[in-house]
Protein backbone atom coordinates (compact mmCIF):
# COMPACT_ATOMS: atom_id res chain seq x y z
CA UNK A 1 0.02 0.03 -0.11
CA UNK A 2 2.52 2.34 1.03
CA UNK A 3 4.80 1.72 -2.27
CA UNK A 4 1.38 2.06 -4.08
CA UNK A 5 0.97 5.75 -2.63
CA UNK A 6 4.63 6.60 -3.49
CA UNK A 7 4.33 5.59 -7.05
CA UNK A 8 0.83 7.40 -7.17
CA UNK A 9 2.46 10.41 -5.58
CA UNK A 10 5.43 10.49 -8.22
CA UNK A 11 3.06 10.16 -10.94
CA UNK A 12 1.02 13.07 -9.85
CA UNK A 13 4.03 15.20 -9.54
CA UNK A 14 5.14 14.22 -12.94
CA UNK A 15 1.88 15.04 -14.40
CA UNK A 16 1.96 18.44 -12.66
CA UNK A 17 5.53 19.15 -13.89
CA UNK A 18 4.14 18.48 -17.44
CA UNK A 19 1.10 20.61 -17.02
CA UNK A 20 3.34 23.54 -15.91
CA UNK A 21 5.66 23.04 -18.61
CA UNK A 22 2.73 23.13 -21.34
CA UNK A 23 1.55 26.29 -19.57
CA UNK A 24 4.92 27.89 -19.79
CA UNK A 25 5.38 26.85 -23.58
CA UNK A 26 1.92 28.62 -23.88
CA UNK A 27 2.83 31.67 -22.19
CA UNK A 28 6.16 31.99 -23.95
CA UNK A 29 4.18 31.86 -27.17
CA UNK A 30 1.70 34.37 -26.30
CA UNK A 31 3.77 36.92 -24.95
CA UNK A 32 5.26 38.03 -28.20
CA UNK A 33 8.20 37.55 -30.17
CA UNK A 34 10.70 38.84 -27.78
CA UNK A 35 9.96 36.62 -24.75
CA UNK A 36 12.20 34.35 -23.32
CA UNK A 37 12.16 32.43 -20.15
CA UNK A 38 14.99 34.23 -17.86
CA UNK A 39 15.65 33.59 -14.51
CA UNK A 40 12.42 32.37 -13.33
CA UNK A 41 10.44 35.17 -15.17
CA UNK A 42 9.42 36.33 -18.74
CA UNK A 43 11.84 38.73 -19.97
CA UNK A 44 11.67 40.39 -23.34
CA UNK A 45 14.66 40.92 -25.49
CA UNK A 46 15.84 43.24 -28.27
CA UNK A 47 17.17 41.60 -31.41
CA UNK A 48 21.01 40.74 -31.14
CA UNK A 49 21.39 38.74 -34.21
CA UNK A 50 19.48 36.82 -36.81
CA UNK A 51 19.27 33.21 -37.56
CA UNK A 52 19.90 32.79 -41.14
CA UNK A 53 21.34 30.17 -43.72
CA UNK A 54 22.68 32.93 -45.82
CA UNK A 55 26.05 34.75 -44.94
CA UNK A 56 24.57 38.06 -44.46
CA UNK A 57 25.67 40.41 -41.72
CA UNK A 58 24.91 44.04 -40.66
CA UNK A 59 27.63 46.84 -39.44
CA UNK A 60 26.31 49.57 -37.21
CA UNK A 61 27.64 52.88 -35.83
CA UNK A 62 26.22 54.79 -32.88
CA UNK A 63 26.68 58.55 -33.31
CA UNK A 64 26.67 60.31 -29.97
CA UNK A 65 29.85 62.59 -29.87
CA UNK A 66 31.86 64.33 -32.54
CA UNK A 67 32.20 63.57 -36.13
CA UNK A 68 35.93 63.95 -36.43
CA UNK A 69 36.29 60.22 -37.75
CA UNK A 70 33.00 60.02 -39.92
CA UNK A 71 34.10 61.17 -43.06
CA UNK A 72 36.76 58.57 -43.05
CA UNK A 73 34.22 55.80 -41.92
CA UNK A 74 31.88 56.76 -44.95
CA UNK A 75 34.64 56.80 -47.66
CA UNK A 76 35.55 53.31 -46.33
CA UNK A 77 32.19 52.09 -46.61
CA UNK A 78 31.91 53.63 -49.94
CA UNK A 79 35.14 51.90 -51.30
CA UNK A 80 33.74 48.77 -50.48
CA UNK A 81 30.05 49.39 -51.49
CA UNK A 82 29.10 48.53 -48.00
CA UNK A 83 25.65 49.64 -46.70
CA UNK A 84 25.49 50.28 -42.67
CA UNK A 85 23.17 51.35 -40.28
CA UNK A 86 23.67 54.58 -37.96
CA UNK A 87 21.78 55.11 -34.68
CA UNK A 88 21.87 58.69 -34.00
CA UNK A 89 21.28 60.46 -30.71
CA UNK A 90 18.84 63.64 -30.95
CA UNK A 91 21.31 66.18 -29.84
CA UNK A 92 23.77 64.85 -32.17
CA UNK A 93 21.38 64.84 -35.12
CA UNK A 94 20.59 68.39 -34.15
CA UNK A 95 24.04 69.49 -34.11
CA UNK A 96 25.32 68.04 -37.15
CA UNK A 97 22.17 68.09 -39.37
CA UNK A 98 24.76 68.07 -42.59
CA UNK A 99 25.90 64.65 -41.26
CA UNK A 100 22.65 63.30 -41.10
CA UNK A 101 22.11 64.24 -44.70
CA UNK A 102 25.60 62.96 -45.66
CA UNK A 103 24.97 59.45 -44.19
CA UNK A 104 21.64 59.23 -45.44
CA UNK A 105 22.71 60.28 -49.07
CA UNK A 106 25.29 57.67 -48.83
CA UNK A 107 22.67 55.10 -48.86
CA UNK A 108 22.77 54.27 -45.29
CA UNK A 109 20.15 53.45 -43.00
CA UNK A 110 19.32 55.60 -40.01
CA UNK A 111 17.74 54.67 -36.62
CA UNK A 112 17.40 56.35 -33.50
CA UNK A 113 19.99 56.18 -30.47
CA UNK A 114 17.38 58.23 -28.11
CA UNK A 115 16.82 61.82 -27.61
CA UNK A 116 19.42 62.32 -24.57
CA UNK A 117 21.46 59.05 -24.42
CA UNK A 118 20.03 58.29 -20.75
CA UNK A 119 19.69 54.96 -19.16
CA UNK A 120 15.99 54.28 -20.43
CA UNK A 121 15.33 51.47 -18.08
CA UNK A 122 15.15 54.13 -15.24
CA UNK A 123 12.30 56.11 -17.34
CA UNK A 124 8.73 55.75 -17.17
CA UNK A 125 6.33 54.98 -20.18
CA UNK A 126 5.70 58.57 -21.21
CA UNK A 127 9.41 59.71 -20.74
CA UNK A 128 10.38 56.88 -22.86
CA UNK A 129 7.63 57.81 -25.62
CA UNK A 130 8.79 61.44 -25.53
CA UNK A 131 12.51 60.38 -25.99
CA UNK A 132 11.58 58.08 -29.03
CA UNK A 133 9.21 60.41 -30.57
CA UNK A 134 11.41 63.55 -30.42
CA UNK A 135 14.49 61.76 -31.60
CA UNK A 136 12.54 59.90 -34.45
CA UNK A 137 11.19 63.46 -35.34
CA UNK A 138 14.52 65.17 -35.42
CA UNK A 139 16.40 62.39 -37.72
CA UNK A 140 12.87 62.33 -40.02
CA UNK A 141 13.04 66.18 -40.50
CA UNK A 142 16.38 65.69 -42.40
CA UNK A 143 16.25 62.60 -44.15
CA UNK A 144 12.24 62.69 -44.88
CA UNK A 145 12.38 58.86 -44.12
CA UNK A 146 10.42 57.33 -41.33
CA UNK A 147 12.60 55.71 -38.47
CA UNK A 148 11.97 51.92 -37.82
CA UNK A 149 14.90 51.04 -35.74
CA UNK A 150 16.02 51.66 -32.35
CA UNK A 151 19.08 51.12 -30.11
CA UNK A 152 19.07 51.79 -26.28
CA UNK A 153 21.80 53.68 -24.83
CA UNK A 154 24.68 51.83 -23.13
CA UNK A 155 22.66 48.55 -24.11
CA UNK A 156 20.42 49.23 -21.13
CA UNK A 157 16.58 47.94 -21.59
CA UNK A 158 13.95 46.48 -19.76
CA UNK A 159 10.47 45.02 -20.98
CA UNK A 160 8.82 48.60 -20.33
CA UNK A 161 11.53 50.00 -23.05
CA UNK A 162 11.17 47.11 -25.54
CA UNK A 163 7.24 47.00 -25.19
CA UNK A 164 6.93 50.81 -25.61
CA UNK A 165 9.21 50.98 -28.54
CA UNK A 166 7.46 48.03 -30.31
CA UNK A 167 3.93 50.10 -29.82
CA UNK A 168 5.72 52.90 -31.76
CA UNK A 169 6.64 50.75 -34.56
CA UNK A 170 10.07 50.36 -33.65
CA UNK A 171 12.37 47.32 -33.69
CA UNK A 172 14.72 47.44 -30.81
CA UNK A 173 18.48 46.53 -31.92
CA UNK A 174 21.27 45.12 -29.80
CA UNK A 175 24.50 43.30 -31.21
CA UNK A 176 26.41 40.30 -30.87
CA UNK A 177 29.85 41.52 -32.10
CA UNK A 178 31.18 44.26 -29.87
CA UNK A 179 34.15 46.04 -31.55
CA UNK A 180 34.98 47.83 -28.39
CA UNK A 181 36.32 50.79 -30.44
CA UNK A 182 35.33 53.33 -27.94
CA UNK A 183 37.97 52.09 -25.19
CA UNK A 184 41.24 53.92 -24.80
CA UNK A 185 43.97 51.82 -26.05
CA UNK A 186 42.07 49.79 -28.74
CA UNK A 187 44.13 49.98 -31.96
CA UNK A 188 43.05 49.32 -35.39
CA UNK A 189 44.40 45.75 -35.27
CA UNK A 190 42.63 45.25 -31.50
CA UNK A 191 39.29 46.27 -33.07
CA UNK A 192 39.73 44.35 -36.32
CA UNK A 193 40.57 41.06 -34.52
CA UNK A 194 37.60 41.48 -32.11
CA UNK A 195 35.18 41.50 -35.33
CA UNK A 196 36.66 38.84 -37.34
CA UNK A 197 36.94 36.39 -34.64
CA UNK A 198 33.30 36.86 -33.64
CA UNK A 199 31.38 37.22 -36.69
CA UNK A 200 28.64 34.62 -37.96
CA UNK A 201 26.15 34.55 -40.28
CA UNK A 202 23.15 37.08 -38.95
CA UNK A 203 25.77 39.13 -36.81
CA UNK A 204 25.15 42.65 -35.80
CA UNK A 205 28.26 44.53 -35.38
CA UNK A 206 28.55 47.35 -33.11
CA UNK A 207 30.96 50.18 -33.96
CA UNK A 208 31.07 54.10 -33.17
CA UNK A 209 31.22 56.83 -35.61
CA UNK A 210 33.73 58.68 -33.70
CA UNK A 211 36.05 55.75 -32.52
CA UNK A 212 39.69 56.93 -32.85
CA UNK A 213 40.90 53.78 -34.67
CA UNK A 214 37.49 52.45 -36.30
CA UNK A 215 38.13 54.04 -39.73
CA UNK A 216 41.59 52.54 -39.91
CA UNK A 217 40.32 49.33 -38.87
CA UNK A 218 37.39 49.07 -41.57
CA UNK A 219 39.33 48.41 -44.76
CA UNK A 220 40.71 45.03 -43.13
CA UNK A 221 37.35 44.23 -41.56
CA UNK A 222 35.25 44.81 -44.65
CA UNK A 223 37.63 43.19 -47.27
CA UNK A 224 38.33 40.06 -45.13
CA UNK A 225 34.67 39.44 -44.27
CA UNK A 226 33.79 39.93 -47.86
CA UNK A 227 36.53 37.36 -48.92
CA UNK A 228 35.22 35.09 -46.65
CA UNK A 229 31.83 35.20 -48.29
CA UNK A 230 29.88 37.61 -46.13
CA UNK A 231 27.31 39.91 -47.76
CA UNK A 232 26.75 43.33 -45.80
CA UNK A 233 23.10 44.67 -45.57
CA UNK A 234 21.51 47.11 -43.62
CA UNK A 235 19.76 45.88 -40.13
CA UNK A 236 16.39 46.89 -41.64
CA UNK A 237 17.35 44.36 -44.44
CA UNK A 238 18.64 41.80 -41.99
CA UNK A 239 15.97 41.43 -39.41
CA UNK A 240 12.70 39.55 -39.86
CA UNK A 241 9.60 41.87 -39.60
CA UNK A 242 6.90 39.52 -38.68
CA UNK A 243 6.14 35.71 -37.52
CA UNK A 244 9.47 35.13 -35.52
CA UNK A 245 10.66 34.27 -32.20
CA UNK A 246 13.69 35.36 -30.30
CA UNK A 247 15.57 33.05 -28.19
CA UNK A 248 17.59 33.17 -24.84
CA UNK A 249 20.83 34.65 -26.67
CA UNK A 250 18.56 37.26 -28.33
CA UNK A 251 18.84 35.52 -31.86
CA UNK A 252 15.83 36.16 -34.04
CA UNK A 253 14.35 33.01 -35.86
CA UNK A 254 11.67 32.54 -38.45
CA UNK A 255 8.40 30.90 -36.66
CA UNK A 256 7.96 27.67 -37.41
């Protein structure tokens, strides 16, 4: 009798565990493309990279401080006929409208990097909306094109930020390859090797428009990756727009 009760108890626990797993899967599916199970809670993630059988990658540049190296970056991209995506902070776009236009005219894609470059996970919904609304408007005023992409300053985000951006028609973009080109002491070789050793199909590469040695590193990076069979596209061309999921690493997958 005791053995029967123990077996029955184990069966009940197994059934309960199975039921909870099914409920969790339903919840994960129902909470949207960004939801993943994270540390016992459902957490939303931006797009870090994209699962693809094609060797397509995107290189991006965050614009927040200065323009000293921007022309050299644009020249390197033009020489290799590589499109790129630039994420601009509002105060940068307003200070350098001629560069916003120059970047757009070069055939590059432009997204918002917020209005004030603050830690946006510390903001309320209306503050987030104000940041995104005004920063998009500043870019659109110069380019005449709607902004569809957003990158959070410092890579700092939470569920509210992603949900709010999504409700405003913005895809939140992170990266899976960080060049660290903003750090003191990073040479062009250091930057190049960090990128070349980490890129995979579907990667999104993070660089900055005013990194001291970014422009110097680009010829080697772009030429080497093209020789490896990679094709550069903008982030907007790389990502999936609908019917997708995002795994725990932030990698976007086409929905089954």
